[in-house]
Amino acid sequence: MSSSKVRLEFWMADRLGFDQPGPIILEEPVEEGETLRSLLTRLAKRFGHFSEALFDPATQSLSSEVSLLINNHIALSQGMDTKLKDGDQILFLPILAGG
């Protein structure tokens, strides 16, 4: 069992069923070589609202209403297959629209 962890920061926590709008910060263990896809799939199983608000495990896609950054990078060259490592910071931001 690995002791590696990533930090998850949710800025739309109320949409995930938490009792505040955000941010909510969680630490999540990751195994060596684990991908963003497998982490998001695991979170979707654990948090009921996660798959509705952020990530659809059936289509393996992020919601069009959220931006995901890893270590302050929005462009992930390997996309959902980006490998996670100890200390990575994953930020979930709502996409805001207005006029």
C-alpha atoms as a PDB file:
ATOM      1  CA  MET A   1       0.000   0.000   0.000  1.00  0.00           C
ATOM      2  CA  SER A   2       1.372   3.378  -0.994  1.00  0.00           C
ATOM      3  CA  SER A   3       1.528   6.354   1.342  1.00  0.00           C
ATOM      4  CA  SER A   4       1.353   8.843  -1.541  1.00  0.00           C
ATOM      5  CA  LYS A   5      -1.368  11.482  -1.349  1.00  0.00           C
ATOM      6  CA  VAL A   6      -2.817  14.178  -3.558  1.00  0.00           C
ATOM      7  CA  ARG A   7      -4.598  17.298  -2.404  1.00  0.00           C
ATOM      8  CA  LEU A   8      -8.070  17.924  -3.821  1.00  0.00           C
ATOM      9  CA  GLU A   9      -9.577  21.403  -3.660  1.00  0.00           C
ATOM     10  CA  PHE A  10     -13.232  21.828  -4.622  1.00  0.00           C
ATOM     11  CA  TRP A  11     -14.556  25.339  -5.231  1.00  0.00           C
ATOM     12  CA  MET A  12     -18.120  24.147  -5.902  1.00  0.00           C
ATOM     13  CA  ALA A  13     -18.456  21.949  -2.834  1.00  0.00           C
ATOM     14  CA  ASP A  14     -22.137  22.769  -2.342  1.00  0.00           C
ATOM     15  CA  ARG A  15     -22.868  21.061  -5.687  1.00  0.00           C
ATOM     16  CA  LEU A  16     -21.150  17.936  -4.348  1.00  0.00           C
ATOM     17  CA  GLY A  17     -23.443  17.688  -1.335  1.00  0.00           C
ATOM     18  CA  PHE A  18     -21.216  19.447   1.205  1.00  0.00           C
ATOM     19  CA  ASP A  19     -22.910  22.023   3.430  1.00  0.00           C
ATOM     20  CA  GLN A  20     -20.793  24.948   2.236  1.00  0.00           C
ATOM     21  CA  PRO A  21     -19.990  26.440  -1.178  1.00  0.00           C
ATOM     22  CA  GLY A  22     -16.254  25.906  -0.885  1.00  0.00           C
ATOM     23  CA  PRO A  23     -13.477  25.543  -0.895  1.00  0.00           C
ATOM     24  CA  ILE A  24     -13.392  22.053   0.549  1.00  0.00           C
ATOM     25  CA  ILE A  25      -9.914  20.545   0.749  1.00  0.00           C
ATOM     26  CA  LEU A  26      -9.380  16.790   0.988  1.00  0.00           C
ATOM     27  CA  GLU A  27      -6.333  14.549   0.864  1.00  0.00           C
ATOM     28  CA  GLU A  28      -6.712  11.362  -1.116  1.00  0.00           C
ATOM     29  CA  PRO A  29      -4.281   8.430  -1.181  1.00  0.00           C
ATOM     30  CA  VAL A  30      -3.008   7.364  -4.595  1.00  0.00           C
ATOM     31  CA  GLU A  31      -1.154   4.273  -5.693  1.00  0.00           C
ATOM     32  CA  GLU A  32       2.043   4.479  -7.711  1.00  0.00           C
ATOM     33  CA  GLY A  33       1.154   4.984 -11.374  1.00  0.00           C
ATOM     34  CA  GLU A  34      -2.495   5.819 -10.654  1.00  0.00           C
ATOM     35  CA  THR A  35      -4.114   8.036 -13.285  1.00  0.00           C
ATOM     36  CA  LEU A  36      -6.442  10.992 -13.019  1.00  0.00           C
ATOM     37  CA  ARG A  37      -9.132   8.813 -14.638  1.00  0.00           C
ATOM     38  CA  SER A  38      -8.944   6.123 -11.950  1.00  0.00           C
ATOM     39  CA  LEU A  39      -8.970   8.709  -9.145  1.00  0.00           C
ATOM     40  CA  LEU A  40     -12.046  10.467 -10.572  1.00  0.00           C
ATOM     41  CA  THR A  41     -13.818   7.134 -11.063  1.00  0.00           C
ATOM     42  CA  ARG A  42     -13.125   6.217  -7.433  1.00  0.00           C
ATOM     43  CA  LEU A  43     -14.401   9.592  -6.209  1.00  0.00           C
ATOM     44  CA  ALA A  44     -17.565   9.226  -8.309  1.00  0.00           C
ATOM     45  CA  LYS A  45     -18.301   5.940  -6.509  1.00  0.00           C
ATOM     46  CA  ARG A  46     -17.724   7.485  -3.083  1.00  0.00           C
ATOM     47  CA  PHE A  47     -19.544  10.814  -3.477  1.00  0.00           C
ATOM     48  CA  GLY A  48     -23.036  10.565  -4.930  1.00  0.00           C
ATOM     49  CA  HIS A  49     -23.152  14.073  -6.373  1.00  0.00           C
ATOM     50  CA  PHE A  50     -19.651  13.853  -7.847  1.00  0.00           C
ATOM     51  CA  SER A  51     -20.740  12.048 -11.012  1.00  0.00           C
ATOM     52  CA  GLU A  52     -23.605  14.500 -11.531  1.00  0.00           C
ATOM     53  CA  ALA A  53     -21.562  17.667 -10.979  1.00  0.00           C
ATOM     54  CA  LEU A  54     -18.004  16.854 -12.055  1.00  0.00           C
ATOM     55  CA  PHE A  55     -17.221  13.530 -13.705  1.00  0.00           C
ATOM     56  CA  ASP A  56     -19.387  10.973 -15.478  1.00  0.00           C
ATOM     57  CA  PRO A  57     -17.832   7.531 -14.962  1.00  0.00           C
ATOM     58  CA  ALA A  58     -19.961   6.043 -17.753  1.00  0.00           C
ATOM     59  CA  THR A  59     -18.529   8.371 -20.413  1.00  0.00           C
ATOM     60  CA  GLN A  60     -15.215   8.951 -18.605  1.00  0.00           C
ATOM     61  CA  SER A  61     -15.562  12.693 -19.137  1.00  0.00           C
ATOM     62  CA  LEU A  62     -15.485  15.852 -17.055  1.00  0.00           C
ATOM     63  CA  SER A  63     -18.535  18.046 -16.880  1.00  0.00           C
ATOM     64  CA  SER A  64     -18.487  20.984 -19.265  1.00  0.00           C
ATOM     65  CA  GLU A  65     -19.190  23.151 -16.203  1.00  0.00           C
ATOM     66  CA  VAL A  66     -15.874  22.472 -14.449  1.00  0.00           C
ATOM     67  CA  SER A  67     -12.212  23.196 -15.071  1.00  0.00           C
ATOM     68  CA  LEU A  68      -9.612  20.904 -13.566  1.00  0.00           C
ATOM     69  CA  LEU A  69      -6.039  22.010 -12.876  1.00  0.00           C
ATOM     70  CA  ILE A  70      -3.189  19.839 -11.689  1.00  0.00           C
ATOM     71  CA  ASN A  71      -0.369  21.796 -10.071  1.00  0.00           C
ATOM     72  CA  ASN A  72      -1.775  24.995 -11.644  1.00  0.00           C
ATOM     73  CA  HIS A  73      -1.728  23.501 -15.181  1.00  0.00           C
ATOM     74  CA  ILE A  74      -4.976  23.356 -17.115  1.00  0.00           C
ATOM     75  CA  ALA A  75      -3.524  21.753 -20.259  1.00  0.00           C
ATOM     76  CA  LEU A  76      -2.718  18.139 -19.427  1.00  0.00           C
ATOM     77  CA  SER A  77      -0.729  16.519 -22.223  1.00  0.00           C
ATOM     78  CA  GLN A  78      -1.950  13.046 -21.251  1.00  0.00           C
ATOM     79  CA  GLY A  79      -5.476  14.161 -20.380  1.00  0.00           C
ATOM     80  CA  MET A  80      -7.358  11.686 -18.217  1.00  0.00           C
ATOM     81  CA  ASP A  81      -4.368   9.312 -18.373  1.00  0.00           C
ATOM     82  CA  THR A  82      -2.140  11.807 -16.524  1.00  0.00           C
ATOM     83  CA  LYS A  83      -0.265   9.891 -13.849  1.00  0.00           C
ATOM     84  CA  LEU A  84      -0.581  11.280 -10.336  1.00  0.00           C
ATOM     85  CA  LYS A  85       2.262  11.529  -7.871  1.00  0.00           C
ATOM     86  CA  ASP A  86       2.684  12.320  -4.203  1.00  0.00           C
ATOM     87  CA  GLY A  87       2.008  15.966  -3.454  1.00  0.00           C
ATOM     88  CA  ASP A  88       0.043  16.782  -6.614  1.00  0.00           C
ATOM     89  CA  GLN A  89      -2.609  19.448  -6.125  1.00  0.00           C
ATOM     90  CA  ILE A  90      -5.849  19.021  -8.060  1.00  0.00           C
ATOM     91  CA  LEU A  91      -8.119  22.044  -8.221  1.00  0.00           C
ATOM     92  CA  PHE A  92     -11.754  21.853  -9.368  1.00  0.00           C
ATOM     93  CA  LEU A  93     -13.148  25.224 -10.453  1.00  0.00           C
ATOM     94  CA  PRO A  94     -16.648  25.999 -11.699  1.00  0.00           C
ATOM     95  CA  ILE A  95     -16.787  27.592 -15.136  1.00  0.00           C
ATOM     96  CA  LEU A  96     -18.513  30.912 -14.659  1.00  0.00           C
ATOM     97  CA  ALA A  97     -20.526  32.604 -17.351  1.00  0.00           C
ATOM     98  CA  GLY A  98     -22.159  35.933 -17.254  1.00  0.00           C
ATOM     99  CA  GLY A  99     -23.199  38.824 -19.304  1.00  0.00           C
END
